[in-house]
Amino acid sequence: MENVIKYVTGFFGGLSAVLLAVLPVTILWTILTGGAVFGMDVVTNLSALITSLGEGGFVGLIVLVLLTSFFIKK
């Protein structure tokens, strides 16, 4: 059972690493070409996310701290 948990954790860790590596490339692509990547406008989506967190007040701050805790390696 421990092997399965390690395998699943490793898979999702690797997947998140790949997605975090692709994110700056998609932002750069959108800025340089003005076109969407895979049918998504990454810059608009990130702007909407930041706006919604900002409008959330204290709850938005808590969500932001929780989200950053997932991406900081300890």
C-alpha atoms as a PDB file:
ATOM      1  CA  MET A   1       0.000   0.000   0.000  1.00  0.00           C
ATOM      2  CA  GLU A   2       2.899   2.371   0.728  1.00  0.00           C
ATOM      3  CA  ASN A   3       4.250   1.790  -2.774  1.00  0.00           C
ATOM      4  CA  VAL A   4       0.922   2.802  -4.311  1.00  0.00           C
ATOM      5  CA  ILE A   5       0.791   5.992  -2.258  1.00  0.00           C
ATOM      6  CA  LYS A   6       4.382   6.844  -3.197  1.00  0.00           C
ATOM      7  CA  TYR A   7       3.619   6.161  -6.851  1.00  0.00           C
ATOM      8  CA  VAL A   8       0.503   8.349  -6.891  1.00  0.00           C
ATOM      9  CA  THR A   9       2.239  11.130  -4.951  1.00  0.00           C
ATOM     10  CA  GLY A  10       5.199  11.006  -7.310  1.00  0.00           C
ATOM     11  CA  PHE A  11       2.917  11.090 -10.336  1.00  0.00           C
ATOM     12  CA  PHE A  12       1.030  14.166  -9.183  1.00  0.00           C
ATOM     13  CA  GLY A  13       4.260  15.837  -8.068  1.00  0.00           C
ATOM     14  CA  GLY A  14       5.740  15.288 -11.516  1.00  0.00           C
ATOM     15  CA  LEU A  15       2.575  16.457 -13.218  1.00  0.00           C
ATOM     16  CA  SER A  16       2.506  19.672 -11.213  1.00  0.00           C
ATOM     17  CA  ALA A  17       6.195  20.254 -12.001  1.00  0.00           C
ATOM     18  CA  VAL A  18       5.489  19.918 -15.719  1.00  0.00           C
ATOM     19  CA  LEU A  19       2.502  22.256 -15.526  1.00  0.00           C
ATOM     20  CA  LEU A  20       4.492  24.849 -13.584  1.00  0.00           C
ATOM     21  CA  ALA A  21       7.217  24.654 -16.231  1.00  0.00           C
ATOM     22  CA  VAL A  22       4.702  25.126 -19.065  1.00  0.00           C
ATOM     23  CA  LEU A  23       2.945  28.099 -17.440  1.00  0.00           C
ATOM     24  CA  PRO A  24       5.673  30.725 -18.122  1.00  0.00           C
ATOM     25  CA  VAL A  25       5.976  29.497 -21.710  1.00  0.00           C
ATOM     26  CA  THR A  26       2.236  29.909 -22.296  1.00  0.00           C
ATOM     27  CA  ILE A  27       2.301  33.393 -20.758  1.00  0.00           C
ATOM     28  CA  LEU A  28       5.211  34.361 -22.990  1.00  0.00           C
ATOM     29  CA  TRP A  29       3.468  32.880 -26.037  1.00  0.00           C
ATOM     30  CA  THR A  30       0.292  34.844 -25.300  1.00  0.00           C
ATOM     31  CA  ILE A  31       2.227  38.082 -24.847  1.00  0.00           C
ATOM     32  CA  LEU A  32       4.333  37.644 -27.988  1.00  0.00           C
ATOM     33  CA  THR A  33       1.668  36.383 -30.371  1.00  0.00           C
ATOM     34  CA  GLY A  34      -1.567  37.546 -28.777  1.00  0.00           C
ATOM     35  CA  GLY A  35      -3.059  34.129 -29.459  1.00  0.00           C
ATOM     36  CA  ALA A  36      -4.537  31.591 -27.122  1.00  0.00           C
ATOM     37  CA  VAL A  37      -2.698  28.421 -26.167  1.00  0.00           C
ATOM     38  CA  PHE A  38      -4.763  25.223 -26.333  1.00  0.00           C
ATOM     39  CA  GLY A  39      -7.887  27.384 -26.622  1.00  0.00           C
ATOM     40  CA  MET A  40      -7.194  29.168 -23.321  1.00  0.00           C
ATOM     41  CA  ASP A  41      -6.173  32.752 -22.710  1.00  0.00           C
ATOM     42  CA  VAL A  42      -3.756  32.197 -19.839  1.00  0.00           C
ATOM     43  CA  VAL A  43      -3.123  35.867 -19.042  1.00  0.00           C
ATOM     44  CA  THR A  44      -6.853  36.645 -18.797  1.00  0.00           C
ATOM     45  CA  ASN A  45      -7.442  33.622 -16.573  1.00  0.00           C
ATOM     46  CA  LEU A  46      -4.569  34.572 -14.240  1.00  0.00           C
ATOM     47  CA  SER A  47      -5.819  38.157 -14.094  1.00  0.00           C
ATOM     48  CA  ALA A  48      -9.305  36.956 -13.178  1.00  0.00           C
ATOM     49  CA  LEU A  49      -7.886  34.687 -10.478  1.00  0.00           C
ATOM     50  CA  ILE A  50      -5.844  37.487  -8.932  1.00  0.00           C
ATOM     51  CA  THR A  51      -8.836  39.845  -9.089  1.00  0.00           C
ATOM     52  CA  SER A  52     -11.120  37.336  -7.386  1.00  0.00           C
ATOM     53  CA  LEU A  53      -8.542  36.723  -4.642  1.00  0.00           C
ATOM     54  CA  GLY A  54      -8.167  40.470  -4.153  1.00  0.00           C
ATOM     55  CA  GLU A  55     -11.917  40.972  -3.875  1.00  0.00           C
ATOM     56  CA  GLY A  56     -12.123  38.161  -1.344  1.00  0.00           C
ATOM     57  CA  GLY A  57     -10.503  40.233   1.385  1.00  0.00           C
ATOM     58  CA  PHE A  58      -9.274  38.176   4.325  1.00  0.00           C
ATOM     59  CA  VAL A  59     -10.633  34.926   2.874  1.00  0.00           C
ATOM     60  CA  GLY A  60      -8.782  35.634  -0.369  1.00  0.00           C
ATOM     61  CA  LEU A  61      -5.589  36.146   1.610  1.00  0.00           C
ATOM     62  CA  ILE A  62      -6.041  32.815   3.384  1.00  0.00           C
ATOM     63  CA  VAL A  63      -6.660  31.050   0.055  1.00  0.00           C
ATOM     64  CA  LEU A  64      -3.559  32.684  -1.411  1.00  0.00           C
ATOM     65  CA  VAL A  65      -1.430  31.525   1.534  1.00  0.00           C
ATOM     66  CA  LEU A  66      -2.805  27.991   1.178  1.00  0.00           C
ATOM     67  CA  LEU A  67      -2.125  27.942  -2.563  1.00  0.00           C
ATOM     68  CA  THR A  68       1.441  29.149  -2.124  1.00  0.00           C
ATOM     69  CA  SER A  69       2.061  26.544   0.565  1.00  0.00           C
ATOM     70  CA  PHE A  70       1.426  23.827  -2.035  1.00  0.00           C
ATOM     71  CA  PHE A  71       4.153  25.175  -4.296  1.00  0.00           C
ATOM     72  CA  ILE A  72       6.859  25.937  -1.743  1.00  0.00           C
ATOM     73  CA  LYS A  73       9.235  23.050  -1.178  1.00  0.00           C
ATOM     74  CA  LYS A  74      10.069  22.424   2.439  1.00  0.00           C
END
